[in-house]
PDB file of N, CA and C in Angstrom:
ATOM      1  N   MET A   1     103.770 161.096  69.005  1.00  0.00           N
ATOM      2  CA  MET A   1     104.469 160.285  69.962  1.00  0.00           C
ATOM      3  C   MET A   1     104.585 158.857  69.418  1.00  0.00           C
ATOM      4  N   VAL A   2     105.761 158.297  69.528  1.00  0.00           N
ATOM      5  CA  VAL A   2     106.019 156.936  69.072  1.00  0.00           C
ATOM      6  C   VAL A   2     106.078 156.027  70.295  1.00  0.00           C
ATOM      7  N   ASN A   3     105.229 155.012  70.309  1.00  0.00           N
ATOM      8  CA  ASN A   3     105.181 154.094  71.445  1.00  0.00           C
ATOM      9  C   ASN A   3     106.340 153.113  71.425  1.00  0.00           C
ATOM     10  N   SER A   4     106.759 152.723  72.599  1.00  0.00           N
ATOM     11  CA  SER A   4     107.816 151.732  72.753  1.00  0.00           C
ATOM     12  C   SER A   4     107.337 150.371  72.246  1.00  0.00           C
ATOM     13  N   PRO A   5     108.225 149.620  71.618  1.00  0.00           N
ATOM     14  CA  PRO A   5     107.849 148.278  71.174  1.00  0.00           C
ATOM     15  C   PRO A   5     107.943 147.232  72.283  1.00  0.00           C
ATOM     16  N   CYS A   6     108.254 147.655  73.493  1.00  0.00           N
ATOM     17  CA  CYS A   6     108.413 146.733  74.617  1.00  0.00           C
ATOM     18  C   CYS A   6     107.124 145.955  74.861  1.00  0.00           C
ATOM     19  N   ILE A   7     107.267 144.631  75.005  1.00  0.00           N
ATOM     20  CA  ILE A   7     106.119 143.776  75.318  1.00  0.00           C
ATOM     21  C   ILE A   7     106.336 143.032  76.637  1.00  0.00           C
ATOM     22  N   ASN A   8     107.246 143.558  77.456  1.00  0.00           N
ATOM     23  CA  ASN A   8     107.526 143.029  78.793  1.00  0.00           C
ATOM     24  C   ASN A   8     108.050 141.589  78.802  1.00  0.00           C
ATOM     25  N   ILE A   9     108.760 141.236  77.765  1.00  0.00           N
ATOM     26  CA  ILE A   9     109.522 139.985  77.739  1.00  0.00           C
ATOM     27  C   ILE A   9     110.977 140.427  77.630  1.00  0.00           C
ATOM     28  N   CYS A  10     111.532 140.822  78.730  1.00  0.00           N
ATOM     29  CA  CYS A  10     112.843 141.479  78.753  1.00  0.00           C
ATOM     30  C   CYS A  10     113.945 140.468  79.051  1.00  0.00           C
ATOM     31  N   LYS A  11     114.448 139.870  78.000  1.00  0.00           N
ATOM     32  CA  LYS A  11     115.519 138.884  78.120  1.00  0.00           C
ATOM     33  C   LYS A  11     116.462 139.081  76.936  1.00  0.00           C
ATOM     34  N   MET A  12     117.714 139.369  77.245  1.00  0.00           N
ATOM     35  CA  MET A  12     118.687 139.590  76.186  1.00  0.00           C
ATOM     36  C   MET A  12     119.175 138.257  75.635  1.00  0.00           C
ATOM     37  N   GLU A  13     119.075 138.110  74.314  1.00  0.00           N
ATOM     38  CA  GLU A  13     119.546 136.923  73.610  1.00  0.00           C
ATOM     39  C   GLU A  13     120.262 137.375  72.347  1.00  0.00           C
ATOM     40  N   GLU A  14     121.501 136.950  72.193  1.00  0.00           N
ATOM     41  CA  GLU A  14     122.287 137.276  70.999  1.00  0.00           C
ATOM     42  C   GLU A  14     122.350 138.775  70.732  1.00  0.00           C
ATOM     43  N   GLY A  15     122.475 139.553  71.803  1.00  0.00           N
ATOM     44  CA  GLY A  15     122.656 140.988  71.661  1.00  0.00           C
ATOM     45  C   GLY A  15     121.397 141.809  71.474  1.00  0.00           C
ATOM     46  N   ARG A  16     120.239 141.163  71.575  1.00  0.00           N
ATOM     47  CA  ARG A  16     118.979 141.912  71.455  1.00  0.00           C
ATOM     48  C   ARG A  16     117.939 141.310  72.378  1.00  0.00           C
ATOM     49  N   CYS A  17     116.933 142.106  72.670  1.00  0.00           N
ATOM     50  CA  CYS A  17     115.854 141.658  73.549  1.00  0.00           C
ATOM     51  C   CYS A  17     114.993 140.630  72.815  1.00  0.00           C
ATOM     52  N   ALA A  18     114.687 139.533  73.492  1.00  0.00           N
ATOM     53  CA  ALA A  18     113.850 138.488  72.905  1.00  0.00           C
ATOM     54  C   ALA A  18     112.414 138.965  72.680  1.00  0.00           C
ATOM     55  N   GLY A  19     111.985 139.976  73.419  1.00  0.00           N
ATOM     56  CA  GLY A  19     110.614 140.471  73.290  1.00  0.00           C
ATOM     57  C   GLY A  19     110.444 141.538  72.223  1.00  0.00           C
ATOM     58  N   CYS A  20     111.250 142.588  72.301  1.00  0.00           N
ATOM     59  CA  CYS A  20     111.052 143.734  71.400  1.00  0.00           C
ATOM     60  C   CYS A  20     112.082 143.814  70.282  1.00  0.00           C
ATOM     61  N   PHE A  21     113.112 142.983  70.316  1.00  0.00           N
ATOM     62  CA  PHE A  21     114.144 142.916  69.287  1.00  0.00           C
ATOM     63  C   PHE A  21     115.052 144.139  69.236  1.00  0.00           C
ATOM     64  N   ARG A  22     114.995 144.992  70.276  1.00  0.00           N
ATOM     65  CA  ARG A  22     115.926 146.124  70.316  1.00  0.00           C
ATOM     66  C   ARG A  22     117.232 145.687  70.954  1.00  0.00           C
ATOM     67  N   THR A  23     118.309 146.374  70.576  1.00  0.00           N
ATOM     68  CA  THR A  23     119.592 146.145  71.232  1.00  0.00           C
ATOM     69  C   THR A  23     119.583 146.863  72.575  1.00  0.00           C
ATOM     70  N   LEU A  24     120.530 146.523  73.423  1.00  0.00           N
ATOM     71  CA  LEU A  24     120.631 147.186  74.723  1.00  0.00           C
ATOM     72  C   LEU A  24     120.839 148.686  74.542  1.00  0.00           C
ATOM     73  N   ASP A  25     121.651 149.078  73.570  1.00  0.00           N
ATOM     74  CA  ASP A  25     121.878 150.489  73.285  1.00  0.00           C
ATOM     75  C   ASP A  25     120.578 151.188  72.876  1.00  0.00           C
ATOM     76  N   GLU A  26     119.788 150.552  72.024  1.00  0.00           N
ATOM     77  CA  GLU A  26     118.515 151.144  71.591  1.00  0.00           C
ATOM     78  C   GLU A  26     117.544 151.277  72.752  1.00  0.00           C
ATOM     79  N   ILE A  27     117.504 150.296  73.626  1.00  0.00           N
ATOM     80  CA  ILE A  27     116.631 150.351  74.796  1.00  0.00           C
ATOM     81  C   ILE A  27     117.050 151.503  75.700  1.00  0.00           C
ATOM     82  N   ALA A  28     118.347 151.631  75.932  1.00  0.00           N
ATOM     83  CA  ALA A  28     118.864 152.684  76.815  1.00  0.00           C
ATOM     84  C   ALA A  28     118.616 154.073  76.236  1.00  0.00           C
ATOM     85  N   ARG A  29     118.717 154.221  74.931  1.00  0.00           N
ATOM     86  CA  ARG A  29     118.546 155.530  74.281  1.00  0.00           C
ATOM     87  C   ARG A  29     117.094 155.946  74.115  1.00  0.00           C
ATOM     88  N   TRP A  30     116.180 154.986  74.113  1.00  0.00           N
ATOM     89  CA  TRP A  30     114.782 155.219  73.736  1.00  0.00           C
ATOM     90  C   TRP A  30     114.165 156.449  74.412  1.00  0.00           C
ATOM     91  N   ALA A  31     114.294 156.580  75.700  1.00  0.00           N
ATOM     92  CA  ALA A  31     113.639 157.675  76.438  1.00  0.00           C
ATOM     93  C   ALA A  31     114.230 159.041  76.124  1.00  0.00           C
ATOM     94  N   ASN A  32     115.426 159.061  75.533  1.00  0.00           N
ATOM     95  CA  ASN A  32     116.111 160.337  75.317  1.00  0.00           C
ATOM     96  C   ASN A  32     116.198 160.769  73.859  1.00  0.00           C
ATOM     97  N   VAL A  33     115.577 160.031  72.957  1.00  0.00           N
ATOM     98  CA  VAL A  33     115.633 160.404  71.544  1.00  0.00           C
ATOM     99  C   VAL A  33     114.265 160.870  71.064  1.00  0.00           C
ATOM    100  N   GLY A  34     114.263 161.599  69.981  1.00  0.00           N
ATOM    101  CA  GLY A  34     113.015 162.106  69.411  1.00  0.00           C
ATOM    102  C   GLY A  34     112.297 161.056  68.580  1.00  0.00           C
ATOM    103  N   ASP A  35     111.123 161.422  68.105  1.00  0.00           N
ATOM    104  CA  ASP A  35     110.297 160.496  67.347  1.00  0.00           C
ATOM    105  C   ASP A  35     110.977 160.014  66.061  1.00  0.00           C
ATOM    106  N   ASP A  36     111.723 160.875  65.384  1.00  0.00           N
ATOM    107  CA  ASP A  36     112.395 160.450  64.155  1.00  0.00           C
ATOM    108  C   ASP A  36     113.389 159.334  64.433  1.00  0.00           C
ATOM    109  N   GLU A  37     114.171 159.474  65.497  1.00  0.00           N
ATOM    110  CA  GLU A  37     115.134 158.433  65.874  1.00  0.00           C
ATOM    111  C   GLU A  37     114.406 157.164  66.321  1.00  0.00           C
ATOM    112  N   LYS A  38     113.293 157.317  67.024  1.00  0.00           N
ATOM    113  CA  LYS A  38     112.511 156.148  67.436  1.00  0.00           C
ATOM    114  C   LYS A  38     111.999 155.392  66.221  1.00  0.00           C
ATOM    115  N   ARG A  39     111.584 156.112  65.192  1.00  0.00           N
ATOM    116  CA  ARG A  39     111.112 155.454  63.969  1.00  0.00           C
ATOM    117  C   ARG A  39     112.246 154.694  63.285  1.00  0.00           C
ATOM    118  N   LEU A  40     113.451 155.233  63.341  1.00  0.00           N
ATOM    119  CA  LEU A  40     114.611 154.522  62.790  1.00  0.00           C
ATOM    120  C   LEU A  40     114.875 153.234  63.572  1.00  0.00           C
ATOM    121  N   ILE A  41     114.756 153.308  64.886  1.00  0.00           N
ATOM    122  CA  ILE A  41     114.928 152.120  65.721  1.00  0.00           C
ATOM    123  C   ILE A  41     113.855 151.090  65.372  1.00  0.00           C
ATOM    124  N   LEU A  42     112.612 151.533  65.227  1.00  0.00           N
ATOM    125  CA  LEU A  42     111.530 150.610  64.888  1.00  0.00           C
ATOM    126  C   LEU A  42     111.745 149.978  63.519  1.00  0.00           C
ATOM    127  N   ALA A  43     112.307 150.723  62.578  1.00  0.00           N
ATOM    128  CA  ALA A  43     112.617 150.166  61.259  1.00  0.00           C
ATOM    129  C   ALA A  43     113.682 149.081  61.379  1.00  0.00           C
ATOM    130  N   ALA A  44     114.687 149.309  62.223  1.00  0.00           N
ATOM    131  CA  ALA A  44     115.729 148.308  62.452  1.00  0.00           C
ATOM    132  C   ALA A  44     115.129 147.072  63.124  1.00  0.00           C
ATOM    133  N   VAL A  45     114.219 147.286  64.062  1.00  0.00           N
ATOM    134  CA  VAL A  45     113.536 146.177  64.730  1.00  0.00           C
ATOM    135  C   VAL A  45     112.744 145.361  63.703  1.00  0.00           C
ATOM    136  N   ALA A  46     112.035 146.031  62.814  1.00  0.00           N
ATOM    137  CA  ALA A  46     111.251 145.335  61.789  1.00  0.00           C
ATOM    138  C   ALA A  46     112.150 144.475  60.908  1.00  0.00           C
ATOM    139  N   GLN A  47     113.313 144.979  60.562  1.00  0.00           N
ATOM    140  CA  GLN A  47     114.255 144.197  59.756  1.00  0.00           C
ATOM    141  C   GLN A  47     114.722 142.969  60.522  1.00  0.00           C
ATOM    142  N   ARG A  48     115.011 143.131  61.795  1.00  0.00           N
ATOM    143  CA  ARG A  48     115.457 141.994  62.606  1.00  0.00           C
ATOM    144  C   ARG A  48     114.387 140.925  62.698  1.00  0.00           C
ATOM    145  N   ARG A  49     113.154 141.342  62.701  1.00  0.00           N
ATOM    146  CA  ARG A  49     112.035 140.390  62.771  1.00  0.00           C
ATOM    147  C   ARG A  49     111.708 139.821  61.393  1.00  0.00           C
ATOM    148  N   GLY A  50     112.295 140.387  60.357  1.00  0.00           N
ATOM    149  CA  GLY A  50     111.999 139.933  59.002  1.00  0.00           C
ATOM    150  C   GLY A  50     110.702 140.486  58.463  1.00  0.00           C
ATOM    151  N   GLN A  51     110.267 141.622  59.012  1.00  0.00           N
ATOM    152  CA  GLN A  51     109.032 142.247  58.575  1.00  0.00           C
ATOM    153  C   GLN A  51     109.353 143.422  57.656  1.00  0.00           C
ATOM    154  N   PRO A  52     108.428 143.793  56.785  1.00  0.00           N
ATOM    155  CA  PRO A  52     108.644 144.968  55.942  1.00  0.00           C
ATOM    156  C   PRO A  52     108.760 146.234  56.783  1.00  0.00           C
ATOM    157  N   ASP A  53     109.520 147.180  56.303  1.00  0.00           N
ATOM    158  CA  ASP A  53     109.698 148.470  56.968  1.00  0.00           C
ATOM    159  C   ASP A  53     108.367 149.214  56.935  1.00  0.00           C
ATOM    160  N   PRO A  54     107.764 149.531  58.111  1.00  0.00           N
ATOM    161  CA  PRO A  54     106.458 150.204  58.138  1.00  0.00           C
ATOM    162  C   PRO A  54     106.500 151.583  57.486  1.00  0.00           C
ATOM    163  N   ARG A  55     107.670 152.203  57.384  1.00  0.00           N
ATOM    164  CA  ARG A  55     107.764 153.507  56.730  1.00  0.00           C
ATOM    165  C   ARG A  55     107.527 153.370  55.232  1.00  0.00           C
ATOM    166  N   LEU A  56     107.794 152.182  54.686  1.00  0.00           N
ATOM    167  CA  LEU A  56     107.621 151.971  53.254  1.00  0.00           C
ATOM    168  C   LEU A  56     106.229 151.469  52.916  1.00  0.00           C
ATOM    169  N   THR A  57     105.585 150.782  53.854  1.00  0.00           N
ATOM    170  CA  THR A  57     104.263 150.222  53.594  1.00  0.00           C
ATOM    171  C   THR A  57     103.137 151.154  54.023  1.00  0.00           C
ATOM    172  N   GLY A  58     103.467 152.146  54.851  1.00  0.00           N
ATOM    173  CA  GLY A  58     102.454 153.057  55.350  1.00  0.00           C
ATOM    174  C   GLY A  58     101.652 152.496  56.504  1.00  0.00           C
ATOM    175  N   ARG A  59     102.017 151.282  56.967  1.00  0.00           N
ATOM    176  CA  ARG A  59     101.312 150.658  58.075  1.00  0.00           C
ATOM    177  C   ARG A  59     102.153 150.790  59.344  1.00  0.00           C
ATOM    178  N   THR A  60     101.485 150.749  60.480  1.00  0.00           N
ATOM    179  CA  THR A  60     102.172 150.822  61.769  1.00  0.00           C
ATOM    180  C   THR A  60     101.958 149.524  62.522  1.00  0.00           C
ATOM    181  N   ALA A  61     102.704 149.331  63.585  1.00  0.00           N
ATOM    182  CA  ALA A  61     102.528 148.149  64.424  1.00  0.00           C
ATOM    183  C   ALA A  61     101.117 148.108  64.992  1.00  0.00           C
ATOM    184  N   THR A  62     100.539 149.271  65.266  1.00  0.00           N
ATOM    185  CA  THR A  62      99.168 149.342  65.770  1.00  0.00           C
ATOM    186  C   THR A  62      98.200 148.839  64.711  1.00  0.00           C
ATOM    187  N   ASP A  63      98.437 149.207  63.440  1.00  0.00           N
ATOM    188  CA  ASP A  63      97.598 148.727  62.349  1.00  0.00           C
ATOM    189  C   ASP A  63      97.652 147.199  62.264  1.00  0.00           C
ATOM    190  N   GLU A  64      98.851 146.628  62.410  1.00  0.00           N
ATOM    191  CA  GLU A  64      99.038 145.195  62.320  1.00  0.00           C
ATOM    192  C   GLU A  64      98.286 144.468  63.432  1.00  0.00           C
ATOM    193  N   ALA A  65      98.227 145.063  64.618  1.00  0.00           N
ATOM    194  CA  ALA A  65      97.581 144.426  65.768  1.00  0.00           C
ATOM    195  C   ALA A  65      96.061 144.470  65.656  1.00  0.00           C
ATOM    196  N   ALA A  66      95.538 145.405  64.903  1.00  0.00           N
ATOM    197  CA  ALA A  66      94.084 145.590  64.802  1.00  0.00           C
ATOM    198  C   ALA A  66      93.422 144.556  63.937  1.00  0.00           C
TER     199      ALA A  66
END
């Protein structure tokens, strides 16, 4: 299971959420897509934040928080 990147700062700015960096389309699709698609969304979010793609580093957002 892939957890949502939502951090409850839900404000759209420049076409993406200021909290989780997902687009409105990605937020709307999240509950209806599988884990592979969620990982693709998270990779896009990481790029928007300027962070390395966790699929390439082997680290997860949970690892980063620990």
